[in-house]
Amino acid sequence: MKHIGLMVAMLAMLWADAKDDQIKALERELAIKKQEIQILLIAIKNQKQESIQKSNAPSLSFQSVDTPAPTKVILKPSMLSEEAISAIDRENQTDTDTLMASAPTQNTDVVAPEATQATTPEESPEESEAVQQEATTDTIASRKESHAPSTIAGIIYTKPTKYHLIEKATIFSDLGQSRIEEWEKERAFTSNRRKGEWILVTGRITSRGWEMVEKSMWIHQSHVK
């Protein structure tokens, strides 16, 4: 009998603990539901306030207003892309051609120029890079004795510049005294010094890029275009 009484008492305690756990779980669920209800009430309140504000907002009446003249915007070249600049140039050229066609012709004597100056070929990316390499080449290395012999006086150092040769241009070792080479094809080179009408070759532009010239190579400006 005593054992049965103990078992009953233990069962009663377990049942009470289980009830407590259930009650606590229900209380937690109830607290969560209360929070959800509170959030919904706040949202409903905000919607009502927005609808009241919209209904009380004054209506806008449209009146005729004089439209100002459009403002002419002047764009700087740096603000335009290359495609936009090309399009503007084409449009301006078309307008110029139209005005020239509509203008009355006049009988005037046309005097031919004594000589025409050759245009400089368009610079390729390799040639542009060559000029930059010439400019950034070490100053001491670029002023070697082979480039500027001590026997030649009056050499002027200039900004690194790219030149194009004419066909069959002749290269001299020393201001027209000794011919050392003849370039059959048109070639490009760079230089940052000259004397009178003679230009000293300091860099050669090839298919491989810019190469520094180690020997004395002079070109007369008549062979440069």
C-alpha atoms as a PDB file:
ATOM      1  CA  MET A   1       0.000   0.000   0.000  1.00  0.00           C
ATOM      2  CA  LYS A   2       2.827   2.344   0.804  1.00  0.00           C
ATOM      3  CA  HIS A   3       4.329   1.776  -2.658  1.00  0.00           C
ATOM      4  CA  ILE A   4       1.047   2.529  -4.308  1.00  0.00           C
ATOM      5  CA  GLY A   5       0.749   5.747  -2.344  1.00  0.00           C
ATOM      6  CA  LEU A   6       4.219   6.844  -3.390  1.00  0.00           C
ATOM      7  CA  MET A   7       3.473   6.143  -7.036  1.00  0.00           C
ATOM      8  CA  VAL A   8       0.255   8.121  -6.852  1.00  0.00           C
ATOM      9  CA  ALA A   9       2.080  11.035  -5.260  1.00  0.00           C
ATOM     10  CA  MET A  10       4.801  10.967  -7.964  1.00  0.00           C
ATOM     11  CA  LEU A  11       2.197  10.871 -10.716  1.00  0.00           C
ATOM     12  CA  ALA A  12       0.454  13.831  -9.141  1.00  0.00           C
ATOM     13  CA  MET A  13       3.722  15.787  -9.072  1.00  0.00           C
ATOM     14  CA  LEU A  14       4.503  14.933 -12.698  1.00  0.00           C
ATOM     15  CA  TRP A  15       1.031  15.935 -13.742  1.00  0.00           C
ATOM     16  CA  ALA A  16       1.399  19.266 -11.922  1.00  0.00           C
ATOM     17  CA  ASP A  17       4.794  19.926 -13.609  1.00  0.00           C
ATOM     18  CA  ALA A  18       3.323  19.135 -17.029  1.00  0.00           C
ATOM     19  CA  LYS A  19       0.464  21.508 -16.343  1.00  0.00           C
ATOM     20  CA  ASP A  20       2.916  24.241 -15.401  1.00  0.00           C
ATOM     21  CA  ASP A  21       4.848  23.733 -18.665  1.00  0.00           C
ATOM     22  CA  GLN A  22       1.657  23.887 -20.686  1.00  0.00           C
ATOM     23  CA  ILE A  23       0.554  27.029 -18.861  1.00  0.00           C
ATOM     24  CA  LYS A  24       3.925  28.699 -19.494  1.00  0.00           C
ATOM     25  CA  ALA A  25       3.811  27.753 -23.192  1.00  0.00           C
ATOM     26  CA  LEU A  26       0.318  29.192 -23.496  1.00  0.00           C
ATOM     27  CA  GLU A  27       1.423  32.380 -21.771  1.00  0.00           C
ATOM     28  CA  ARG A  28       4.305  32.793 -24.254  1.00  0.00           C
ATOM     29  CA  GLU A  29       1.961  32.277 -27.214  1.00  0.00           C
ATOM     30  CA  LEU A  30      -0.455  34.793 -25.720  1.00  0.00           C
ATOM     31  CA  ALA A  31       2.296  37.390 -25.343  1.00  0.00           C
ATOM     32  CA  ILE A  32       3.341  36.900 -28.990  1.00  0.00           C
ATOM     33  CA  LYS A  33      -0.245  37.302 -30.166  1.00  0.00           C
ATOM     34  CA  LYS A  34      -0.576  40.503 -28.139  1.00  0.00           C
ATOM     35  CA  GLN A  35       2.526  41.947 -29.843  1.00  0.00           C
ATOM     36  CA  GLU A  36       1.145  41.060 -33.278  1.00  0.00           C
ATOM     37  CA  ILE A  37      -2.179  42.688 -32.460  1.00  0.00           C
ATOM     38  CA  GLN A  38      -0.388  45.816 -31.240  1.00  0.00           C
ATOM     39  CA  ILE A  39       1.602  46.039 -34.476  1.00  0.00           C
ATOM     40  CA  LEU A  40      -1.568  45.681 -36.567  1.00  0.00           C
ATOM     41  CA  LEU A  41      -3.301  48.423 -34.572  1.00  0.00           C
ATOM     42  CA  ILE A  42      -0.379  50.800 -35.143  1.00  0.00           C
ATOM     43  CA  ALA A  43      -0.405  50.081 -38.891  1.00  0.00           C
ATOM     44  CA  ILE A  44      -4.172  50.698 -39.104  1.00  0.00           C
ATOM     45  CA  LYS A  45      -3.739  53.969 -37.239  1.00  0.00           C
ATOM     46  CA  ASN A  46      -1.012  55.135 -39.616  1.00  0.00           C
ATOM     47  CA  GLN A  47      -3.144  54.299 -42.663  1.00  0.00           C
ATOM     48  CA  LYS A  48      -6.028  56.306 -41.274  1.00  0.00           C
ATOM     49  CA  GLN A  49      -3.789  59.310 -40.679  1.00  0.00           C
ATOM     50  CA  GLU A  50      -2.421  59.132 -44.248  1.00  0.00           C
ATOM     51  CA  SER A  51      -5.929  58.951 -45.713  1.00  0.00           C
ATOM     52  CA  ILE A  52      -7.021  61.942 -43.597  1.00  0.00           C
ATOM     53  CA  GLN A  53      -3.992  63.982 -44.737  1.00  0.00           C
ATOM     54  CA  LYS A  54      -4.678  63.162 -48.382  1.00  0.00           C
ATOM     55  CA  SER A  55      -8.340  64.127 -48.082  1.00  0.00           C
ATOM     56  CA  ASN A  56      -7.423  67.435 -46.428  1.00  0.00           C
ATOM     57  CA  ALA A  57      -4.672  68.299 -48.954  1.00  0.00           C
ATOM     58  CA  PRO A  58      -5.574  71.393 -51.060  1.00  0.00           C
ATOM     59  CA  SER A  59      -6.365  70.762 -54.699  1.00  0.00           C
ATOM     60  CA  LEU A  60      -3.999  72.215 -57.269  1.00  0.00           C
ATOM     61  CA  SER A  61      -5.490  74.560 -59.840  1.00  0.00           C
ATOM     62  CA  PHE A  62      -3.603  74.821 -63.101  1.00  0.00           C
ATOM     63  CA  GLN A  63      -3.186  78.267 -64.582  1.00  0.00           C
ATOM     64  CA  SER A  64      -1.791  79.244 -67.922  1.00  0.00           C
ATOM     65  CA  VAL A  65       1.782  80.384 -67.557  1.00  0.00           C
ATOM     66  CA  ASP A  66       3.914  81.977 -70.246  1.00  0.00           C
ATOM     67  CA  THR A  67       6.578  79.487 -71.242  1.00  0.00           C
ATOM     68  CA  PRO A  68      10.030  81.101 -71.199  1.00  0.00           C
ATOM     69  CA  ALA A  69      12.202  80.843 -74.240  1.00  0.00           C
ATOM     70  CA  PRO A  70      14.484  77.813 -74.218  1.00  0.00           C
ATOM     71  CA  THR A  71      17.927  78.460 -72.809  1.00  0.00           C
ATOM     72  CA  LYS A  72      20.816  77.777 -75.118  1.00  0.00           C
ATOM     73  CA  VAL A  73      23.308  75.493 -73.426  1.00  0.00           C
ATOM     74  CA  ILE A  74      26.921  75.762 -74.522  1.00  0.00           C
ATOM     75  CA  LEU A  75      28.800  72.508 -74.042  1.00  0.00           C
ATOM     76  CA  LYS A  76      32.546  72.446 -73.672  1.00  0.00           C
ATOM     77  CA  PRO A  77      34.437  69.873 -75.768  1.00  0.00           C
ATOM     78  CA  SER A  78      35.455  68.062 -72.583  1.00  0.00           C
ATOM     79  CA  MET A  79      31.763  67.457 -71.788  1.00  0.00           C
ATOM     80  CA  LEU A  80      31.093  65.667 -75.088  1.00  0.00           C
ATOM     81  CA  SER A  81      32.062  62.214 -76.213  1.00  0.00           C
ATOM     82  CA  GLU A  82      34.023  61.668 -79.411  1.00  0.00           C
ATOM     83  CA  GLU A  83      30.865  60.386 -81.155  1.00  0.00           C
ATOM     84  CA  ALA A  84      28.925  63.544 -80.193  1.00  0.00           C
ATOM     85  CA  ILE A  85      31.730  65.828 -81.413  1.00  0.00           C
ATOM     86  CA  SER A  86      31.876  63.952 -84.731  1.00  0.00           C
ATOM     87  CA  ALA A  87      28.098  64.287 -85.148  1.00  0.00           C
ATOM     88  CA  ILE A  88      28.260  68.050 -84.482  1.00  0.00           C
ATOM     89  CA  ASP A  89      31.122  68.446 -86.962  1.00  0.00           C
ATOM     90  CA  ARG A  90      29.149  66.587 -89.642  1.00  0.00           C
ATOM     91  CA  GLU A  91      26.090  68.784 -89.022  1.00  0.00           C
ATOM     92  CA  ASN A  92      28.146  71.981 -89.202  1.00  0.00           C
ATOM     93  CA  GLN A  93      29.794  70.799 -92.406  1.00  0.00           C
ATOM     94  CA  THR A  94      26.367  70.099 -93.961  1.00  0.00           C
ATOM     95  CA  ASP A  95      25.177  73.604 -93.049  1.00  0.00           C
ATOM     96  CA  THR A  96      28.335  75.123 -94.525  1.00  0.00           C
ATOM     97  CA  ASP A  97      27.951  73.163 -97.769  1.00  0.00           C
ATOM     98  CA  THR A  98      24.314  74.310 -98.071  1.00  0.00           C
ATOM     99  CA  LEU A  99      25.258  77.967 -97.608  1.00  0.00           C
ATOM    100  CA  MET A 100      28.095  77.711-100.117  1.00  0.00           C
ATOM    101  CA  ALA A 101      25.800  76.101-102.700  1.00  0.00           C
ATOM    102  CA  SER A 102      23.144  78.800-102.283  1.00  0.00           C
ATOM    103  CA  ALA A 103      25.585  81.736-102.320  1.00  0.00           C
ATOM    104  CA  PRO A 104      25.966  83.630-105.636  1.00  0.00           C
ATOM    105  CA  THR A 105      29.113  82.854-107.544  1.00  0.00           C
ATOM    106  CA  GLN A 106      31.616  85.588-108.384  1.00  0.00           C
ATOM    107  CA  ASN A 107      34.261  85.682-111.033  1.00  0.00           C
ATOM    108  CA  THR A 108      37.487  86.092-109.145  1.00  0.00           C
ATOM    109  CA  ASP A 109      41.049  85.325-110.009  1.00  0.00           C
ATOM    110  CA  VAL A 110      42.388  82.409-108.034  1.00  0.00           C
ATOM    111  CA  VAL A 111      46.070  82.499-107.247  1.00  0.00           C
ATOM    112  CA  ALA A 112      47.644  79.119-106.644  1.00  0.00           C
ATOM    113  CA  PRO A 113      49.883  78.898-103.592  1.00  0.00           C
ATOM    114  CA  GLU A 114      53.592  78.694-104.214  1.00  0.00           C
ATOM    115  CA  ALA A 115      53.961  75.463-102.299  1.00  0.00           C
ATOM    116  CA  THR A 116      51.689  73.071-100.457  1.00  0.00           C
ATOM    117  CA  GLN A 117      52.580  71.810 -97.052  1.00  0.00           C
ATOM    118  CA  ALA A 118      52.154  68.100 -96.471  1.00  0.00           C
ATOM    119  CA  THR A 119      49.786  67.117 -93.719  1.00  0.00           C
ATOM    120  CA  THR A 120      51.043  65.131 -90.786  1.00  0.00           C
ATOM    121  CA  PRO A 121      49.781  61.504 -90.885  1.00  0.00           C
ATOM    122  CA  GLU A 122      47.368  60.510 -88.182  1.00  0.00           C
ATOM    123  CA  GLU A 123      49.175  59.398 -85.060  1.00  0.00           C
ATOM    124  CA  SER A 124      48.785  55.733 -84.188  1.00  0.00           C
ATOM    125  CA  PRO A 125      48.610  54.432 -80.594  1.00  0.00           C
ATOM    126  CA  GLU A 126      52.125  53.007 -80.942  1.00  0.00           C
ATOM    127  CA  GLU A 127      53.526  56.366 -82.075  1.00  0.00           C
ATOM    128  CA  SER A 128      51.764  58.223 -79.264  1.00  0.00           C
ATOM    129  CA  GLU A 129      53.204  55.786 -76.757  1.00  0.00           C
ATOM    130  CA  ALA A 130      56.629  56.231 -78.351  1.00  0.00           C
ATOM    131  CA  VAL A 131      56.576  59.976 -77.737  1.00  0.00           C
ATOM    132  CA  GLN A 132      55.646  59.357 -74.103  1.00  0.00           C
ATOM    133  CA  GLN A 133      58.479  56.850 -73.752  1.00  0.00           C
ATOM    134  CA  GLU A 134      60.875  59.360 -75.288  1.00  0.00           C
ATOM    135  CA  ALA A 135      59.744  61.983 -72.781  1.00  0.00           C
ATOM    136  CA  THR A 136      60.104  59.653 -69.788  1.00  0.00           C
ATOM    137  CA  THR A 137      63.433  58.124 -70.828  1.00  0.00           C
ATOM    138  CA  ASP A 138      66.164  58.778 -68.305  1.00  0.00           C
ATOM    139  CA  THR A 139      67.818  62.128 -69.061  1.00  0.00           C
ATOM    140  CA  ILE A 140      71.338  60.882 -68.500  1.00  0.00           C
ATOM    141  CA  ALA A 141      70.867  57.831 -70.733  1.00  0.00           C
ATOM    142  CA  SER A 142      69.292  59.943 -73.492  1.00  0.00           C
ATOM    143  CA  ARG A 143      72.275  62.337 -73.577  1.00  0.00           C
ATOM    144  CA  LYS A 144      74.978  59.796 -74.339  1.00  0.00           C
ATOM    145  CA  GLU A 145      78.148  60.835 -76.164  1.00  0.00           C
ATOM    146  CA  SER A 146      76.997  58.883 -79.244  1.00  0.00           C
ATOM    147  CA  HIS A 147      73.885  61.088 -79.457  1.00  0.00           C
ATOM    148  CA  ALA A 148      75.628  64.429 -79.064  1.00  0.00           C
ATOM    149  CA  PRO A 149      79.339  64.262 -79.888  1.00  0.00           C
ATOM    150  CA  SER A 150      81.430  66.859 -78.129  1.00  0.00           C
ATOM    151  CA  THR A 151      82.699  68.079 -81.517  1.00  0.00           C
ATOM    152  CA  ILE A 152      79.198  69.366 -82.427  1.00  0.00           C
ATOM    153  CA  ALA A 153      78.377  72.679 -80.796  1.00  0.00           C
ATOM    154  CA  GLY A 154      75.090  74.530 -80.676  1.00  0.00           C
ATOM    155  CA  ILE A 155      72.773  71.553 -80.172  1.00  0.00           C
ATOM    156  CA  ILE A 156      69.377  72.667 -78.900  1.00  0.00           C
ATOM    157  CA  TYR A 157      67.377  70.387 -76.584  1.00  0.00           C
ATOM    158  CA  THR A 158      63.674  70.500 -77.342  1.00  0.00           C
ATOM    159  CA  LYS A 159      60.479  68.821 -76.243  1.00  0.00           C
ATOM    160  CA  PRO A 160      60.312  65.151 -77.414  1.00  0.00           C
ATOM    161  CA  THR A 161      58.579  65.208 -80.798  1.00  0.00           C
ATOM    162  CA  LYS A 162      57.490  62.572 -83.309  1.00  0.00           C
ATOM    163  CA  TYR A 163      58.555  62.951 -86.960  1.00  0.00           C
ATOM    164  CA  HIS A 164      57.683  61.120 -90.194  1.00  0.00           C
ATOM    165  CA  LEU A 165      60.275  60.572 -92.891  1.00  0.00           C
ATOM    166  CA  ILE A 166      59.738  60.756 -96.618  1.00  0.00           C
ATOM    167  CA  GLU A 167      60.497  57.706 -98.741  1.00  0.00           C
ATOM    168  CA  LYS A 168      64.182  56.952 -99.300  1.00  0.00           C
ATOM    169  CA  ALA A 169      65.260  59.341 -96.578  1.00  0.00           C
ATOM    170  CA  THR A 170      69.012  59.453 -96.026  1.00  0.00           C
ATOM    171  CA  ILE A 171      70.574  59.089 -92.597  1.00  0.00           C
ATOM    172  CA  PHE A 172      73.928  60.720 -91.834  1.00  0.00           C
ATOM    173  CA  SER A 173      76.354  60.090 -89.024  1.00  0.00           C
ATOM    174  CA  ASP A 174      77.331  63.723 -88.627  1.00  0.00           C
ATOM    175  CA  LEU A 175      75.427  66.674 -90.165  1.00  0.00           C
ATOM    176  CA  GLY A 176      75.596  65.525 -93.779  1.00  0.00           C
ATOM    177  CA  GLN A 177      79.274  64.461 -93.781  1.00  0.00           C
ATOM    178  CA  SER A 178      78.952  60.667 -93.840  1.00  0.00           C
ATOM    179  CA  ARG A 179      75.976  58.741 -95.184  1.00  0.00           C
ATOM    180  CA  ILE A 180      75.339  55.618 -93.073  1.00  0.00           C
ATOM    181  CA  GLU A 181      71.862  54.419 -93.956  1.00  0.00           C
ATOM    182  CA  GLU A 182      68.876  54.951 -96.234  1.00  0.00           C
ATOM    183  CA  TRP A 183      65.355  54.132 -95.147  1.00  0.00           C
ATOM    184  CA  GLU A 184      63.450  52.852 -98.181  1.00  0.00           C
ATOM    185  CA  LYS A 185      60.001  53.131 -96.623  1.00  0.00           C
ATOM    186  CA  GLU A 186      58.278  55.855 -94.691  1.00  0.00           C
ATOM    187  CA  ARG A 187      59.213  55.577 -91.063  1.00  0.00           C
ATOM    188  CA  ALA A 188      58.631  57.459 -87.850  1.00  0.00           C
ATOM    189  CA  PHE A 189      61.108  58.467 -85.196  1.00  0.00           C
ATOM    190  CA  THR A 190      61.371  60.688 -82.154  1.00  0.00           C
ATOM    191  CA  SER A 191      63.829  63.420 -81.266  1.00  0.00           C
ATOM    192  CA  ASN A 192      64.428  65.924 -78.515  1.00  0.00           C
ATOM    193  CA  ARG A 193      67.367  67.856 -79.969  1.00  0.00           C
ATOM    194  CA  ARG A 194      68.437  69.504 -83.185  1.00  0.00           C
ATOM    195  CA  LYS A 195      70.942  71.916 -84.692  1.00  0.00           C
ATOM    196  CA  GLY A 196      69.792  74.325 -87.342  1.00  0.00           C
ATOM    197  CA  GLU A 197      68.137  72.330 -90.146  1.00  0.00           C
ATOM    198  CA  TRP A 198      69.430  68.985 -88.807  1.00  0.00           C
ATOM    199  CA  ILE A 199      67.469  66.715 -86.455  1.00  0.00           C
ATOM    200  CA  LEU A 200      69.134  64.111 -84.231  1.00  0.00           C
ATOM    201  CA  VAL A 201      67.329  60.736 -84.097  1.00  0.00           C
ATOM    202  CA  THR A 202      67.018  59.652 -80.447  1.00  0.00           C
ATOM    203  CA  GLY A 203      64.333  56.978 -80.820  1.00  0.00           C
ATOM    204  CA  ARG A 204      63.040  54.752 -83.605  1.00  0.00           C
ATOM    205  CA  ILE A 205      59.387  53.633 -83.900  1.00  0.00           C
ATOM    206  CA  THR A 206      59.050  50.067 -85.203  1.00  0.00           C
ATOM    207  CA  SER A 207      56.376  47.386 -85.221  1.00  0.00           C
ATOM    208  CA  ARG A 208      57.687  46.316 -81.825  1.00  0.00           C
ATOM    209  CA  GLY A 209      57.263  49.813 -80.394  1.00  0.00           C
ATOM    210  CA  TRP A 210      59.747  52.551 -79.481  1.00  0.00           C
ATOM    211  CA  GLU A 211      63.462  51.757 -79.451  1.00  0.00           C
ATOM    212  CA  MET A 212      66.217  54.008 -78.195  1.00  0.00           C
ATOM    213  CA  VAL A 213      68.899  54.771 -80.802  1.00  0.00           C
ATOM    214  CA  GLU A 214      72.425  54.224 -79.494  1.00  0.00           C
ATOM    215  CA  LYS A 215      74.395  55.739 -82.392  1.00  0.00           C
ATOM    216  CA  SER A 216      74.606  59.198 -83.897  1.00  0.00           C
ATOM    217  CA  MET A 217      71.943  59.505 -86.624  1.00  0.00           C
ATOM    218  CA  TRP A 218      71.171  62.885 -88.221  1.00  0.00           C
ATOM    219  CA  ILE A 219      68.365  63.695 -90.688  1.00  0.00           C
ATOM    220  CA  HIS A 220      67.935  66.894 -92.652  1.00  0.00           C
ATOM    221  CA  GLN A 221      64.556  68.552 -92.147  1.00  0.00           C
ATOM    222  CA  SER A 222      63.918  68.403 -95.910  1.00  0.00           C
ATOM    223  CA  HIS A 223      63.516  64.612 -95.490  1.00  0.00           C
ATOM    224  CA  VAL A 224      60.878  65.064 -92.788  1.00  0.00           C
ATOM    225  CA  LYS A 225      57.205  65.680 -93.378  1.00  0.00           C
END
